[in-house]
Protein backbone atom coordinates (compact mmCIF):
# COMPACT_ATOMS: atom_id res chain seq x y z
CA MET A 1 -132.27 93.70 -58.26
CA THR A 2 -133.18 96.26 -55.04
CA PRO A 3 -131.69 95.25 -51.39
CA HIS A 4 -134.99 93.73 -50.72
CA ALA A 5 -135.26 91.62 -53.43
CA ALA A 6 -131.54 90.30 -52.41
CA THR A 7 -131.97 89.14 -48.95
CA ARG A 8 -134.91 87.50 -49.22
CA SER A 9 -133.54 85.40 -52.37
CA ARG A 10 -130.23 84.89 -49.55
CA ALA A 11 -132.37 83.63 -47.12
CA PRO A 12 -133.45 80.47 -49.27
CA ASN A 13 -129.66 79.09 -49.59
CA CYS A 14 -128.55 80.41 -45.53
CA ILE A 15 -131.42 78.00 -44.74
CA ARG A 16 -129.96 75.12 -46.85
CA ARG A 17 -126.51 75.80 -45.81
CA ALA A 18 -128.08 75.91 -42.15
CA LEU A 19 -129.51 72.40 -42.40
CA PRO A 20 -127.24 70.12 -40.51
CA ARG A 21 -126.28 66.68 -42.68
CA TRP A 22 -129.01 63.67 -41.49
CA GLN A 23 -126.22 61.43 -40.32
CA THR A 24 -124.74 64.29 -38.25
CA ALA A 25 -128.24 65.29 -36.84
CA LEU A 26 -129.25 61.65 -36.14
CA PHE A 27 -126.09 60.41 -34.18
CA GLY A 28 -126.05 63.60 -32.32
CA ALA A 29 -129.46 63.50 -30.99
CA LEU A 30 -128.66 59.72 -29.72
CA LEU A 31 -125.47 61.00 -28.45
CA TRP A 32 -127.00 63.86 -26.95
CA ALA A 33 -130.45 62.00 -25.33
CA MET A 34 -128.21 59.53 -23.50
CA THR A 35 -125.98 62.55 -22.60
CA MET A 36 -128.91 64.09 -20.99
CA GLY A 37 -130.53 60.88 -19.30
CA ALA A 38 -127.06 59.81 -18.05
CA SER A 39 -126.89 63.08 -16.27
CA VAL A 40 -130.57 63.07 -14.24
CA LEU A 41 -129.77 59.21 -13.91
CA VAL A 42 -126.51 60.61 -11.84
CA ASN A 43 -128.02 63.38 -10.24
CA LEU A 44 -130.98 61.29 -8.91
CA ASP A 45 -129.86 58.15 -7.71
CA ALA A 46 -131.01 57.79 -4.32
CA TRP A 47 -135.12 59.96 -5.46
CA GLU A 48 -138.04 58.76 -5.04
CA THR A 49 -138.71 55.09 -7.09
CA PRO A 50 -136.43 53.73 -9.70
CA GLU A 51 -139.96 53.76 -11.98
CA LYS A 52 -139.98 58.20 -11.15
CA ILE A 53 -136.20 58.53 -11.52
CA ARG A 54 -136.82 56.56 -14.83
CA THR A 55 -139.21 58.54 -15.87
CA VAL A 56 -137.56 61.48 -15.28
CA SER A 57 -134.72 60.03 -16.97
CA LEU A 58 -136.11 59.21 -19.72
CA LEU A 59 -138.39 63.05 -20.12
CA PHE A 60 -134.92 64.35 -20.36
CA ALA A 61 -133.41 62.52 -22.82
CA SER A 62 -136.12 63.05 -25.35
CA GLY A 63 -136.04 66.52 -24.65
CA GLY A 64 -132.13 66.21 -25.35
CA ALA A 65 -132.84 64.14 -28.45
CA LEU A 66 -135.38 67.04 -30.16
CA GLY A 67 -133.44 69.41 -29.06
CA PHE A 68 -130.05 68.77 -30.89
CA PRO A 69 -130.93 68.92 -34.59
CA VAL A 70 -133.23 72.08 -33.67
CA GLY A 71 -129.92 73.36 -31.67
CA LEU A 72 -127.25 72.33 -34.49
CA PHE A 73 -129.68 73.84 -36.79
CA ALA A 74 -129.90 77.54 -35.22
CA ALA A 75 -126.37 77.16 -34.71
CA ARG A 76 -125.08 76.80 -37.99
CA LEU A 77 -128.33 79.59 -38.84
CA PHE A 78 -126.14 81.71 -36.93
CA SER A 79 -122.51 81.14 -37.05
CA LEU A 80 -122.71 80.72 -40.91
CA GLY A 81 -119.12 82.57 -42.75
CA ARG A 82 -118.46 83.38 -38.72
CA HIS A 83 -115.24 83.27 -37.07
CA ARG A 84 -114.84 79.95 -34.69
CA GLU A 85 -115.22 81.89 -31.75
CA VAL A 86 -119.24 83.08 -32.99
CA ALA A 87 -119.28 79.39 -34.00
CA PHE A 88 -118.42 78.05 -30.49
CA ALA A 89 -121.04 81.23 -28.52
CA ALA A 90 -123.76 79.84 -31.14
CA ALA A 91 -123.33 76.41 -30.56
CA PHE A 92 -123.02 76.96 -26.59
CA VAL A 93 -126.47 79.19 -26.36
CA CYS A 94 -128.06 77.77 -29.34
CA LEU A 95 -127.98 73.86 -28.00
CA ALA A 96 -128.11 74.94 -23.97
CA ALA A 97 -131.93 76.76 -25.83
CA ALA A 98 -133.60 73.61 -27.66
CA THR A 99 -132.66 71.07 -25.36
CA MET A 100 -133.44 73.06 -22.26
CA GLY A 101 -136.48 74.76 -24.11
CA LEU A 102 -138.30 70.99 -25.92
CA THR A 103 -136.92 69.06 -22.30
CA GLY A 104 -139.13 72.25 -20.72
CA GLY A 105 -142.43 72.17 -22.63
CA LEU A 106 -142.25 68.11 -22.45
CA PHE A 107 -142.41 68.31 -19.28
CA ALA A 108 -145.01 71.04 -19.20
CA LEU A 109 -146.84 68.57 -21.48
CA GLN A 110 -146.99 65.78 -18.94
CA TYR A 111 -147.33 68.35 -15.94
CA ARG A 112 -150.59 69.51 -17.98
CA SER A 113 -151.93 66.27 -18.99
CA TYR A 114 -151.35 65.33 -15.01
CA TYR A 115 -154.21 67.86 -13.74
CA ALA A 116 -156.31 67.44 -16.72
CA GLU A 117 -158.50 65.68 -14.39
CA TRP A 118 -159.86 68.40 -12.71
CA HIS A 119 -159.47 70.87 -15.24
CA ALA A 120 -162.54 72.64 -16.53
CA PRO A 121 -164.20 70.89 -20.00
CA ALA A 122 -162.42 72.03 -23.26
CA PHE A 123 -162.37 74.63 -24.32
CA THR A 124 -163.58 77.34 -22.53
CA LEU A 125 -162.75 79.74 -20.82
CA THR A 126 -161.44 78.57 -17.27
CA TRP A 127 -160.19 75.85 -19.19
CA ALA A 128 -158.18 78.51 -21.18
CA PHE A 129 -156.87 80.16 -18.11
CA GLN A 130 -156.01 76.78 -16.14
CA PHE A 131 -154.32 75.74 -19.58
CA VAL A 132 -151.92 78.56 -19.81
CA PHE A 133 -151.35 79.16 -16.04
CA THR A 134 -150.97 74.99 -15.69
CA THR A 135 -148.11 75.28 -18.46
CA LEU A 136 -146.71 78.69 -16.65
CA VAL A 137 -145.97 76.56 -13.79
CA ALA A 138 -144.52 74.14 -15.19
CA LEU A 139 -142.49 75.76 -16.69
CA TYR A 140 -141.45 77.49 -13.93
CA GLN A 141 -141.34 74.40 -12.02
CA PHE A 142 -138.84 73.36 -14.63
CA VAL A 143 -136.51 75.64 -14.71
CA VAL A 144 -136.16 75.91 -11.05
CA LEU A 145 -136.22 72.33 -9.95
CA GLY A 146 -135.04 70.70 -13.15
CA ILE A 147 -132.22 72.84 -14.67
CA ARG A 148 -129.78 71.81 -12.13
CA LEU A 149 -130.16 68.35 -13.25
CA TYR A 150 -128.11 69.10 -16.14
CA PHE A 151 -124.79 69.94 -14.06
CA PRO A 152 -122.03 68.43 -14.15
CA ILE A 153 -122.12 66.20 -16.71
CA GLY A 154 -125.66 68.03 -19.09
CA PHE A 155 -122.56 71.37 -18.96
CA VAL A 156 -119.20 69.59 -19.89
CA ALA A 157 -121.38 67.41 -22.33
CA LEU A 158 -122.41 72.10 -23.69
CA PHE A 159 -118.94 72.58 -23.86
CA ALA A 160 -117.30 69.72 -25.19
CA ALA A 161 -120.39 69.86 -28.29
CA SER A 162 -120.02 73.45 -29.03
CA VAL A 163 -115.80 72.89 -28.89
CA TRP A 164 -116.59 69.96 -31.18
CA PHE A 165 -118.71 72.39 -33.51
CA ALA A 166 -116.38 75.33 -33.61
CA ARG A 167 -114.05 73.16 -35.12
CA GLN A 168 -115.99 72.55 -38.09
CA ARG A 169 -115.03 73.95 -41.60
CA ARG A 170 -118.03 76.16 -42.77
């Protein structure tokens, strides 16, 4: 067997081993969503209207619910057969990136749907430019204004989840 063939045959096994149990993914997603939503509620207690606070909290909770299983899978994939330090770092980076990335993506979709009323007809060149730049502006605004809403609760939860992950058996 060539080295290239051996690598190809190991890849599906690594992916299979990295998949978390569905119970862990589901319970973790629910807990992560509640934590991310609570982080927003703590930061926006006297902001705008209660309806807008609920909307932003729901957006962050949804991003957390979607981000946890993705981040957990990626962390397990990157830390297979590695020491606890690597597992901690993988969980920290992967959970943060998946949560923020998916929450930012949901924010961009909502942002885009709001501004779509003023955009050109769909699938034209002008529309394509408007779509790309509106999405980029939304992601920029999320990074500048939205990431701060994860502090301090989201950061503490990220640290705790990373410690929990590092202590799991490999």
